[in-house]
């Protein structure tokens, strides 16, 4: 029996002494660990991402899927780098000398790819911090160019963001470029409406009309699910050249502020006409100079 066990051990050791067998085993281990990590990463991300009560399930799912893909790619890259180093060591390659040369090349490439690395890092933080998502309306400005673009987010990757503006133009922005990111459609939006009325207007009457219109709009089936707080009179905002500016404010669901504000302006025009409240055009007061009297 002892001789049989010794022969088995000898055969096994001779098999593992073969470099190509160790290479095959290394590749198999990397593949198995990668397959196991894919499921583990998915479970961790789906449990770690906190739901936002303003998000739909599809939006949350998109964000989770994006993070899962990023982490899977990073883990797979790390596993194969380690696996390749182990394989090279099994094949008696001088890994230390190779690493020194690779480090020098990496430094040279790094200097030339600083902007790309910055874009990748910024993209990761955009997704991790949920700064904006696919379908959001955002304005990106600042950065090195100082220029700004706005539109609907069509696609986010860890390097670029694609925006479609109101004219249908597609803007491709590097994630590391914007200095200021303004999300116009996350959680909620405010409807900020300014209306000019004549200087002879009864402000209390105008306030009552504005509040009535806001409440009526919020009660209609078309808008009641989109309006969080009805548009109401806020204050007398300023004395302009030809009118008094009245400011009204309401809270609505994200990306609905423009449609609701347009409908409110239409309603307020009709209500002001019925109440006899004038929305004046620009005016100019002309004083006629009196002719000088001739001296006798």
C-alpha atoms as a PDB file:
ATOM      1  CA  UNK A   1       0.000   0.000   0.000  1.00  0.00           C
ATOM      2  CA  UNK A   2       2.806   2.358   0.903  1.00  0.00           C
ATOM      3  CA  UNK A   3       4.453   1.696  -2.420  1.00  0.00           C
ATOM      4  CA  UNK A   4       1.204   2.481  -4.279  1.00  0.00           C
ATOM      5  CA  UNK A   5       0.797   5.830  -2.445  1.00  0.00           C
ATOM      6  CA  UNK A   6       4.411   6.711  -3.099  1.00  0.00           C
ATOM      7  CA  UNK A   7       4.017   6.003  -6.783  1.00  0.00           C
ATOM      8  CA  UNK A   8       0.850   8.167  -6.928  1.00  0.00           C
ATOM      9  CA  UNK A   9       2.622  11.049  -5.188  1.00  0.00           C
ATOM     10  CA  UNK A  10       5.551  10.718  -7.518  1.00  0.00           C
ATOM     11  CA  UNK A  11       3.308  10.784 -10.563  1.00  0.00           C
ATOM     12  CA  UNK A  12       1.424  13.832  -9.260  1.00  0.00           C
ATOM     13  CA  UNK A  13       4.637  15.706  -8.499  1.00  0.00           C
ATOM     14  CA  UNK A  14       5.996  14.898 -11.929  1.00  0.00           C
ATOM     15  CA  UNK A  15       2.791  16.226 -13.500  1.00  0.00           C
ATOM     16  CA  UNK A  16       2.957  19.502 -11.547  1.00  0.00           C
ATOM     17  CA  UNK A  17       6.628  19.842 -12.417  1.00  0.00           C
ATOM     18  CA  UNK A  18       5.506  20.413 -16.008  1.00  0.00           C
ATOM     19  CA  UNK A  19       5.339  24.170 -16.600  1.00  0.00           C
ATOM     20  CA  UNK A  20       2.551  23.910 -19.163  1.00  0.00           C
ATOM     21  CA  UNK A  21       0.352  21.995 -16.715  1.00  0.00           C
ATOM     22  CA  UNK A  22       0.800  24.790 -14.167  1.00  0.00           C
ATOM     23  CA  UNK A  23      -0.062  27.352 -16.870  1.00  0.00           C
ATOM     24  CA  UNK A  24      -3.271  25.467 -17.690  1.00  0.00           C
ATOM     25  CA  UNK A  25      -4.177  25.272 -14.000  1.00  0.00           C
ATOM     26  CA  UNK A  26      -3.529  28.990 -13.544  1.00  0.00           C
ATOM     27  CA  UNK A  27      -5.805  29.861 -16.473  1.00  0.00           C
ATOM     28  CA  UNK A  28      -8.519  27.538 -15.100  1.00  0.00           C
ATOM     29  CA  UNK A  29      -8.305  29.127 -11.638  1.00  0.00           C
ATOM     30  CA  UNK A  30      -8.536  32.645 -13.079  1.00  0.00           C
ATOM     31  CA  UNK A  31     -11.599  31.709 -15.144  1.00  0.00           C
ATOM     32  CA  UNK A  32     -13.318  30.056 -12.159  1.00  0.00           C
ATOM     33  CA  UNK A  33     -12.610  33.015  -9.850  1.00  0.00           C
ATOM     34  CA  UNK A  34     -13.799  35.474 -12.511  1.00  0.00           C
ATOM     35  CA  UNK A  35     -17.075  33.574 -12.972  1.00  0.00           C
ATOM     36  CA  UNK A  36     -17.626  33.473  -9.209  1.00  0.00           C
ATOM     37  CA  UNK A  37     -16.836  37.187  -8.835  1.00  0.00           C
ATOM     38  CA  UNK A  38     -19.387  38.176 -11.495  1.00  0.00           C
ATOM     39  CA  UNK A  39     -22.293  36.930  -9.395  1.00  0.00           C
ATOM     40  CA  UNK A  40     -20.786  38.232  -6.143  1.00  0.00           C
ATOM     41  CA  UNK A  41     -20.334  41.737  -7.589  1.00  0.00           C
ATOM     42  CA  UNK A  42     -23.930  41.799  -8.851  1.00  0.00           C
ATOM     43  CA  UNK A  43     -25.335  40.830  -5.444  1.00  0.00           C
ATOM     44  CA  UNK A  44     -23.190  43.394  -3.587  1.00  0.00           C
ATOM     45  CA  UNK A  45     -24.015  46.288  -5.940  1.00  0.00           C
ATOM     46  CA  UNK A  46     -27.765  45.610  -5.971  1.00  0.00           C
ATOM     47  CA  UNK A  47     -27.832  45.533  -2.182  1.00  0.00           C
ATOM     48  CA  UNK A  48     -25.528  48.527  -1.724  1.00  0.00           C
ATOM     49  CA  UNK A  49     -27.331  50.959  -4.063  1.00  0.00           C
ATOM     50  CA  UNK A  50     -29.898  52.910  -2.112  1.00  0.00           C
ATOM     51  CA  UNK A  51     -33.247  53.488  -3.739  1.00  0.00           C
ATOM     52  CA  UNK A  52     -34.347  57.068  -4.320  1.00  0.00           C
ATOM     53  CA  UNK A  53     -38.079  57.640  -3.929  1.00  0.00           C
ATOM     54  CA  UNK A  54     -38.045  59.933  -6.983  1.00  0.00           C
ATOM     55  CA  UNK A  55     -36.379  57.284  -9.192  1.00  0.00           C
ATOM     56  CA  UNK A  56     -38.213  54.744 -11.281  1.00  0.00           C
ATOM     57  CA  UNK A  57     -37.185  51.100 -11.117  1.00  0.00           C
ATOM     58  CA  UNK A  58     -35.811  51.255 -14.656  1.00  0.00           C
ATOM     59  CA  UNK A  59     -33.560  54.251 -13.801  1.00  0.00           C
ATOM     60  CA  UNK A  60     -32.262  52.506 -10.687  1.00  0.00           C
ATOM     61  CA  UNK A  61     -31.643  49.341 -12.678  1.00  0.00           C
ATOM     62  CA  UNK A  62     -29.645  51.258 -15.305  1.00  0.00           C
ATOM     63  CA  UNK A  63     -27.420  52.752 -12.648  1.00  0.00           C
ATOM     64  CA  UNK A  64     -26.856  49.370 -10.992  1.00  0.00           C
ATOM     65  CA  UNK A  65     -26.056  47.686 -14.319  1.00  0.00           C
ATOM     66  CA  UNK A  66     -23.526  50.403 -15.161  1.00  0.00           C
ATOM     67  CA  UNK A  67     -21.745  49.960 -11.816  1.00  0.00           C
ATOM     68  CA  UNK A  68     -21.790  46.170 -12.144  1.00  0.00           C
ATOM     69  CA  UNK A  69     -20.149  46.351 -15.570  1.00  0.00           C
ATOM     70  CA  UNK A  70     -17.464  48.734 -14.293  1.00  0.00           C
ATOM     71  CA  UNK A  71     -16.580  46.551 -11.279  1.00  0.00           C
ATOM     72  CA  UNK A  72     -16.656  43.351 -13.322  1.00  0.00           C
ATOM     73  CA  UNK A  73     -14.256  44.837 -15.841  1.00  0.00           C
ATOM     74  CA  UNK A  74     -11.909  46.067 -13.106  1.00  0.00           C
ATOM     75  CA  UNK A  75     -11.886  42.706 -11.287  1.00  0.00           C
ATOM     76  CA  UNK A  76     -11.372  40.766 -14.535  1.00  0.00           C
ATOM     77  CA  UNK A  77      -8.434  43.005 -15.479  1.00  0.00           C
ATOM     78  CA  UNK A  78      -6.834  42.538 -12.051  1.00  0.00           C
ATOM     79  CA  UNK A  79      -7.296  38.750 -12.144  1.00  0.00           C
ATOM     80  CA  UNK A  80      -5.773  38.358 -15.593  1.00  0.00           C
ATOM     81  CA  UNK A  81      -2.831  40.613 -14.740  1.00  0.00           C
ATOM     82  CA  UNK A  82      -2.082  38.420 -11.710  1.00  0.00           C
ATOM     83  CA  UNK A  83      -2.613  35.281 -13.789  1.00  0.00           C
ATOM     84  CA  UNK A  84      -0.264  36.464 -16.529  1.00  0.00           C
ATOM     85  CA  UNK A  85       2.441  37.258 -13.947  1.00  0.00           C
ATOM     86  CA  UNK A  86       2.095  33.765 -12.450  1.00  0.00           C
ATOM     87  CA  UNK A  87       2.261  32.164 -15.926  1.00  0.00           C
ATOM     88  CA  UNK A  88       5.383  34.143 -16.834  1.00  0.00           C
ATOM     89  CA  UNK A  89       6.982  33.063 -13.567  1.00  0.00           C
ATOM     90  CA  UNK A  90       6.142  29.404 -14.336  1.00  0.00           C
ATOM     91  CA  UNK A  91       7.749  29.818 -17.762  1.00  0.00           C
ATOM     92  CA  UNK A  92      10.956  31.101 -16.084  1.00  0.00           C
ATOM     93  CA  UNK A  93      10.564  34.643 -17.413  1.00  0.00           C
ATOM     94  CA  UNK A  94      12.338  37.330 -15.390  1.00  0.00           C
ATOM     95  CA  UNK A  95       9.214  39.078 -14.078  1.00  0.00           C
ATOM     96  CA  UNK A  96      11.188  41.654 -12.073  1.00  0.00           C
ATOM     97  CA  UNK A  97      13.048  42.948 -15.138  1.00  0.00           C
ATOM     98  CA  UNK A  98       9.839  42.891 -17.156  1.00  0.00           C
ATOM     99  CA  UNK A  99       8.006  44.844 -14.459  1.00  0.00           C
ATOM    100  CA  UNK A 100      10.764  47.483 -14.426  1.00  0.00           C
ATOM    101  CA  UNK A 101      10.480  47.967 -18.176  1.00  0.00           C
ATOM    102  CA  UNK A 102       6.683  47.979 -18.012  1.00  0.00           C
ATOM    103  CA  UNK A 103       6.826  50.552 -15.243  1.00  0.00           C
ATOM    104  CA  UNK A 104       8.924  52.871 -17.381  1.00  0.00           C
ATOM    105  CA  UNK A 105       6.547  52.446 -20.316  1.00  0.00           C
ATOM    106  CA  UNK A 106       3.622  53.038 -17.975  1.00  0.00           C
ATOM    107  CA  UNK A 107       5.118  56.325 -16.774  1.00  0.00           C
ATOM    108  CA  UNK A 108       5.626  57.526 -20.338  1.00  0.00           C
ATOM    109  CA  UNK A 109       2.103  56.504 -21.351  1.00  0.00           C
ATOM    110  CA  UNK A 110       0.700  58.087 -18.204  1.00  0.00           C
ATOM    111  CA  UNK A 111       2.119  61.486 -19.073  1.00  0.00           C
ATOM    112  CA  UNK A 112       0.500  61.300 -22.490  1.00  0.00           C
ATOM    113  CA  UNK A 113      -2.835  60.015 -21.212  1.00  0.00           C
ATOM    114  CA  UNK A 114      -3.465  62.297 -18.251  1.00  0.00           C
ATOM    115  CA  UNK A 115      -6.707  63.674 -19.699  1.00  0.00           C
ATOM    116  CA  UNK A 116      -8.004  60.200 -20.496  1.00  0.00           C
ATOM    117  CA  UNK A 117      -7.241  58.973 -16.966  1.00  0.00           C
ATOM    118  CA  UNK A 118      -8.992  62.052 -15.565  1.00  0.00           C
ATOM    119  CA  UNK A 119     -12.032  61.319 -17.759  1.00  0.00           C
ATOM    120  CA  UNK A 120     -12.229  57.742 -16.474  1.00  0.00           C
ATOM    121  CA  UNK A 121     -11.944  58.793 -12.829  1.00  0.00           C
ATOM    122  CA  UNK A 122     -14.549  61.545 -13.273  1.00  0.00           C
ATOM    123  CA  UNK A 123     -16.888  59.094 -15.010  1.00  0.00           C
ATOM    124  CA  UNK A 124     -16.640  56.655 -12.123  1.00  0.00           C
ATOM    125  CA  UNK A 125     -17.560  59.398  -9.643  1.00  0.00           C
ATOM    126  CA  UNK A 126     -20.448  60.591 -11.854  1.00  0.00           C
ATOM    127  CA  UNK A 127     -21.941  57.105 -11.666  1.00  0.00           C
ATOM    128  CA  UNK A 128     -21.065  56.345  -8.036  1.00  0.00           C
ATOM    129  CA  UNK A 129     -22.414  59.672  -6.739  1.00  0.00           C
ATOM    130  CA  UNK A 130     -25.482  59.522  -9.016  1.00  0.00           C
ATOM    131  CA  UNK A 131     -24.790  63.031 -10.328  1.00  0.00           C
ATOM    132  CA  UNK A 132     -26.991  62.334 -13.349  1.00  0.00           C
ATOM    133  CA  UNK A 133     -28.530  59.338 -15.110  1.00  0.00           C
ATOM    134  CA  UNK A 134     -29.691  58.337 -18.556  1.00  0.00           C
ATOM    135  CA  UNK A 135     -32.837  60.353 -19.300  1.00  0.00           C
ATOM    136  CA  UNK A 136     -31.939  63.298 -17.049  1.00  0.00           C
ATOM    137  CA  UNK A 137     -31.841  66.850 -18.415  1.00  0.00           C
ATOM    138  CA  UNK A 138     -28.502  68.408 -17.504  1.00  0.00           C
ATOM    139  CA  UNK A 139     -26.342  71.418 -18.221  1.00  0.00           C
ATOM    140  CA  UNK A 140     -22.575  70.877 -18.373  1.00  0.00           C
ATOM    141  CA  UNK A 141     -20.364  73.951 -18.250  1.00  0.00           C
ATOM    142  CA  UNK A 142     -16.995  75.239 -17.134  1.00  0.00           C
ATOM    143  CA  UNK A 143     -13.825  73.212 -17.440  1.00  0.00           C
ATOM    144  CA  UNK A 144     -10.898  74.196 -19.616  1.00  0.00           C
ATOM    145  CA  UNK A 145     -13.017  75.490 -22.489  1.00  0.00           C
ATOM    146  CA  UNK A 146     -15.549  77.418 -20.427  1.00  0.00           C
ATOM    147  CA  UNK A 147     -18.264  76.459 -22.926  1.00  0.00           C
ATOM    148  CA  UNK A 148     -21.552  74.927 -21.824  1.00  0.00           C
ATOM    149  CA  UNK A 149     -24.045  72.506 -23.356  1.00  0.00           C
ATOM    150  CA  UNK A 150     -27.424  71.274 -22.157  1.00  0.00           C
ATOM    151  CA  UNK A 151     -29.717  68.455 -23.165  1.00  0.00           C
ATOM    152  CA  UNK A 152     -31.097  65.010 -22.370  1.00  0.00           C
ATOM    153  CA  UNK A 153     -28.537  62.386 -21.326  1.00  0.00           C
ATOM    154  CA  UNK A 154     -28.692  59.592 -23.901  1.00  0.00           C
ATOM    155  CA  UNK A 155     -25.670  57.579 -22.783  1.00  0.00           C
ATOM    156  CA  UNK A 156     -23.135  57.532 -19.952  1.00  0.00           C
ATOM    157  CA  UNK A 157     -19.878  55.618 -20.006  1.00  0.00           C
ATOM    158  CA  UNK A 158     -16.904  55.976 -17.693  1.00  0.00           C
ATOM    159  CA  UNK A 159     -15.191  58.221 -20.275  1.00  0.00           C
ATOM    160  CA  UNK A 160     -17.882  60.256 -22.080  1.00  0.00           C
ATOM    161  CA  UNK A 161     -21.448  61.499 -21.784  1.00  0.00           C
ATOM    162  CA  UNK A 162     -23.743  61.961 -24.799  1.00  0.00           C
ATOM    163  CA  UNK A 163     -26.312  64.782 -24.658  1.00  0.00           C
ATOM    164  CA  UNK A 164     -29.139  65.500 -27.108  1.00  0.00           C
ATOM    165  CA  UNK A 165     -30.270  69.137 -27.088  1.00  0.00           C
ATOM    166  CA  UNK A 166     -33.667  70.610 -28.026  1.00  0.00           C
ATOM    167  CA  UNK A 167     -32.571  71.132 -31.641  1.00  0.00           C
ATOM    168  CA  UNK A 168     -31.663  67.451 -31.977  1.00  0.00           C
ATOM    169  CA  UNK A 169     -27.899  68.032 -31.889  1.00  0.00           C
ATOM    170  CA  UNK A 170     -25.829  65.322 -30.189  1.00  0.00           C
ATOM    171  CA  UNK A 171     -23.078  66.625 -27.878  1.00  0.00           C
ATOM    172  CA  UNK A 172     -20.282  64.275 -26.768  1.00  0.00           C
ATOM    173  CA  UNK A 173     -18.636  65.554 -23.584  1.00  0.00           C
ATOM    174  CA  UNK A 174     -15.624  64.034 -21.830  1.00  0.00           C
ATOM    175  CA  UNK A 175     -16.514  63.315 -18.208  1.00  0.00           C
ATOM    176  CA  UNK A 176     -13.423  65.106 -16.926  1.00  0.00           C
ATOM    177  CA  UNK A 177     -14.232  68.309 -18.833  1.00  0.00           C
ATOM    178  CA  UNK A 178     -17.227  69.991 -17.080  1.00  0.00           C
ATOM    179  CA  UNK A 179     -16.471  72.218 -14.130  1.00  0.00           C
ATOM    180  CA  UNK A 180     -20.137  72.652 -13.192  1.00  0.00           C
ATOM    181  CA  UNK A 181     -22.857  69.989 -13.596  1.00  0.00           C
ATOM    182  CA  UNK A 182     -26.436  71.216 -13.274  1.00  0.00           C
ATOM    183  CA  UNK A 183     -29.092  68.505 -13.116  1.00  0.00           C
ATOM    184  CA  UNK A 184     -32.473  69.959 -14.089  1.00  0.00           C
ATOM    185  CA  UNK A 185     -34.492  66.796 -13.556  1.00  0.00           C
ATOM    186  CA  UNK A 186     -33.559  65.067 -10.323  1.00  0.00           C
ATOM    187  CA  UNK A 187     -35.871  64.651  -7.293  1.00  0.00           C
ATOM    188  CA  UNK A 188     -38.051  67.699  -8.092  1.00  0.00           C
ATOM    189  CA  UNK A 189     -38.108  70.963 -10.022  1.00  0.00           C
ATOM    190  CA  UNK A 190     -39.458  74.438  -9.327  1.00  0.00           C
ATOM    191  CA  UNK A 191     -41.742  76.342 -11.682  1.00  0.00           C
ATOM    192  CA  UNK A 192     -40.603  79.960 -11.486  1.00  0.00           C
ATOM    193  CA  UNK A 193     -42.969  82.248 -13.406  1.00  0.00           C
ATOM    194  CA  UNK A 194     -42.656  86.049 -13.625  1.00  0.00           C
ATOM    195  CA  UNK A 195     -45.663  88.057 -14.841  1.00  0.00           C
ATOM    196  CA  UNK A 196     -45.655  91.795 -15.513  1.00  0.00           C
ATOM    197  CA  UNK A 197     -48.767  93.860 -14.701  1.00  0.00           C
ATOM    198  CA  UNK A 198     -49.533  97.560 -15.084  1.00  0.00           C
ATOM    199  CA  UNK A 199     -48.680 100.061 -12.364  1.00  0.00           C
ATOM    200  CA  UNK A 200     -52.375 100.760 -11.769  1.00  0.00           C
ATOM    201  CA  UNK A 201     -53.079  97.075 -10.952  1.00  0.00           C
ATOM    202  CA  UNK A 202     -54.550  96.064  -7.584  1.00  0.00           C
ATOM    203  CA  UNK A 203     -51.810  93.694  -6.365  1.00  0.00           C
ATOM    204  CA  UNK A 204     -54.103  91.894  -3.913  1.00  0.00           C
ATOM    205  CA  UNK A 205     -56.536  91.143  -6.731  1.00  0.00           C
ATOM    206  CA  UNK A 206     -53.717  89.889  -8.979  1.00  0.00           C
ATOM    207  CA  UNK A 207     -52.442  87.673  -6.149  1.00  0.00           C
ATOM    208  CA  UNK A 208     -55.888  86.120  -5.688  1.00  0.00           C
ATOM    209  CA  UNK A 209     -56.177  85.408  -9.420  1.00  0.00           C
ATOM    210  CA  UNK A 210     -52.718  83.789  -9.570  1.00  0.00           C
ATOM    211  CA  UNK A 211     -53.431  81.554  -6.567  1.00  0.00           C
ATOM    212  CA  UNK A 212     -56.825  80.519  -7.984  1.00  0.00           C
ATOM    213  CA  UNK A 213     -55.289  79.605 -11.357  1.00  0.00           C
ATOM    214  CA  UNK A 214     -52.530  77.606  -9.646  1.00  0.00           C
ATOM    215  CA  UNK A 215     -55.005  75.610  -7.562  1.00  0.00           C
ATOM    216  CA  UNK A 216     -57.263  74.913 -10.548  1.00  0.00           C
ATOM    217  CA  UNK A 217     -54.324  73.678 -12.602  1.00  0.00           C
ATOM    218  CA  UNK A 218     -53.131  71.388  -9.791  1.00  0.00           C
ATOM    219  CA  UNK A 219     -56.591  69.857  -9.490  1.00  0.00           C
ATOM    220  CA  UNK A 220     -56.904  68.796 -13.127  1.00  0.00           C
ATOM    221  CA  UNK A 221     -56.340  65.157 -14.092  1.00  0.00           C
ATOM    222  CA  UNK A 222     -53.725  66.134 -16.673  1.00  0.00           C
ATOM    223  CA  UNK A 223     -51.403  67.738 -14.123  1.00  0.00           C
ATOM    224  CA  UNK A 224     -52.360  66.545 -10.634  1.00  0.00           C
ATOM    225  CA  UNK A 225     -49.889  63.650 -10.696  1.00  0.00           C
ATOM    226  CA  UNK A 226     -47.043  65.943 -11.804  1.00  0.00           C
ATOM    227  CA  UNK A 227     -47.613  68.931  -9.500  1.00  0.00           C
ATOM    228  CA  UNK A 228     -46.228  68.491  -5.981  1.00  0.00           C
ATOM    229  CA  UNK A 229     -47.078  72.022  -4.770  1.00  0.00           C
ATOM    230  CA  UNK A 230     -49.418  74.296  -6.786  1.00  0.00           C
ATOM    231  CA  UNK A 231     -48.011  77.452  -8.352  1.00  0.00           C
ATOM    232  CA  UNK A 232     -48.781  80.302  -5.969  1.00  0.00           C
ATOM    233  CA  UNK A 233     -48.029  84.013  -5.655  1.00  0.00           C
ATOM    234  CA  UNK A 234     -44.642  84.517  -3.984  1.00  0.00           C
ATOM    235  CA  UNK A 235     -43.912  88.245  -3.955  1.00  0.00           C
ATOM    236  CA  UNK A 236     -43.820  91.522  -5.819  1.00  0.00           C
ATOM    237  CA  UNK A 237     -40.413  91.010  -7.322  1.00  0.00           C
ATOM    238  CA  UNK A 238     -39.418  94.311  -8.920  1.00  0.00           C
ATOM    239  CA  UNK A 239     -40.493  97.595 -10.436  1.00  0.00           C
ATOM    240  CA  UNK A 240     -39.640  97.409 -14.135  1.00  0.00           C
ATOM    241  CA  UNK A 241     -39.727 100.216 -16.701  1.00  0.00           C
ATOM    242  CA  UNK A 242     -43.234  99.466 -17.955  1.00  0.00           C
ATOM    243  CA  UNK A 243     -44.673  97.037 -15.413  1.00  0.00           C
ATOM    244  CA  UNK A 244     -44.644  95.577 -11.918  1.00  0.00           C
ATOM    245  CA  UNK A 245     -43.146  92.057 -11.921  1.00  0.00           C
ATOM    246  CA  UNK A 246     -45.012  89.462  -9.838  1.00  0.00           C
ATOM    247  CA  UNK A 247     -43.202  86.220  -9.058  1.00  0.00           C
ATOM    248  CA  UNK A 248     -45.024  82.900  -8.673  1.00  0.00           C
ATOM    249  CA  UNK A 249     -43.498  79.605  -7.579  1.00  0.00           C
ATOM    250  CA  UNK A 250     -44.524  75.936  -7.520  1.00  0.00           C
ATOM    251  CA  UNK A 251     -42.907  72.510  -7.091  1.00  0.00           C
ATOM    252  CA  UNK A 252     -43.356  69.760  -9.692  1.00  0.00           C
ATOM    253  CA  UNK A 253     -41.905  66.416 -10.665  1.00  0.00           C
ATOM    254  CA  UNK A 254     -38.557  66.458 -12.498  1.00  0.00           C
ATOM    255  CA  UNK A 255     -38.519  67.412 -16.191  1.00  0.00           C
ATOM    256  CA  UNK A 256     -42.146  68.566 -16.066  1.00  0.00           C
ATOM    257  CA  UNK A 257     -41.485  72.204 -15.167  1.00  0.00           C
ATOM    258  CA  UNK A 258     -41.453  73.518 -18.725  1.00  0.00           C
ATOM    259  CA  UNK A 259     -44.766  71.998 -19.797  1.00  0.00           C
ATOM    260  CA  UNK A 260     -46.498  73.026 -16.576  1.00  0.00           C
ATOM    261  CA  UNK A 261     -45.086  76.579 -16.714  1.00  0.00           C
ATOM    262  CA  UNK A 262     -46.269  76.967 -20.317  1.00  0.00           C
ATOM    263  CA  UNK A 263     -49.783  75.818 -19.431  1.00  0.00           C
ATOM    264  CA  UNK A 264     -49.831  78.130 -16.393  1.00  0.00           C
ATOM    265  CA  UNK A 265     -48.874  81.166 -18.500  1.00  0.00           C
ATOM    266  CA  UNK A 266     -51.681  80.356 -20.926  1.00  0.00           C
ATOM    267  CA  UNK A 267     -54.167  80.107 -18.059  1.00  0.00           C
ATOM    268  CA  UNK A 268     -52.958  83.270 -16.357  1.00  0.00           C
ATOM    269  CA  UNK A 269     -53.305  85.277 -19.575  1.00  0.00           C
ATOM    270  CA  UNK A 270     -56.934  84.195 -19.923  1.00  0.00           C
ATOM    271  CA  UNK A 271     -57.662  84.799 -16.221  1.00  0.00           C
ATOM    272  CA  UNK A 272     -56.094  88.276 -16.276  1.00  0.00           C
ATOM    273  CA  UNK A 273     -58.141  89.209 -19.344  1.00  0.00           C
ATOM    274  CA  UNK A 274     -61.341  88.137 -17.581  1.00  0.00           C
ATOM    275  CA  UNK A 275     -60.376  90.037 -14.407  1.00  0.00           C
ATOM    276  CA  UNK A 276     -59.437  93.185 -16.332  1.00  0.00           C
ATOM    277  CA  UNK A 277     -55.785  93.008 -15.282  1.00  0.00           C
ATOM    278  CA  UNK A 278     -53.498  94.450 -17.908  1.00  0.00           C
ATOM    279  CA  UNK A 279     -50.217  92.849 -19.013  1.00  0.00           C
ATOM    280  CA  UNK A 280     -48.604  95.955 -20.528  1.00  0.00           C
ATOM    281  CA  UNK A 281     -46.372  96.222 -23.544  1.00  0.00           C
ATOM    282  CA  UNK A 282     -43.122  98.173 -23.201  1.00  0.00           C
ATOM    283  CA  UNK A 283     -44.003 101.837 -22.819  1.00  0.00           C
ATOM    284  CA  UNK A 284     -42.204 105.098 -23.169  1.00  0.00           C
ATOM    285  CA  UNK A 285     -43.324 108.409 -21.700  1.00  0.00           C
ATOM    286  CA  UNK A 286     -42.609 111.391 -23.958  1.00  0.00           C
ATOM    287  CA  UNK A 287     -42.668 114.902 -22.539  1.00  0.00           C
ATOM    288  CA  UNK A 288     -43.319 117.665 -24.994  1.00  0.00           C
ATOM    289  CA  UNK A 289     -41.057 120.624 -24.473  1.00  0.00           C
ATOM    290  CA  UNK A 290     -42.877 123.952 -24.233  1.00  0.00           C
ATOM    291  CA  UNK A 291     -41.684 126.561 -26.723  1.00  0.00           C
ATOM    292  CA  UNK A 292     -39.805 129.496 -25.207  1.00  0.00           C
ATOM    293  CA  UNK A 293     -41.655 132.791 -25.045  1.00  0.00           C
ATOM    294  CA  UNK A 294     -40.311 135.506 -27.248  1.00  0.00           C
ATOM    295  CA  UNK A 295     -39.040 138.538 -25.411  1.00  0.00           C
ATOM    296  CA  UNK A 296     -40.887 141.748 -26.122  1.00  0.00           C
END
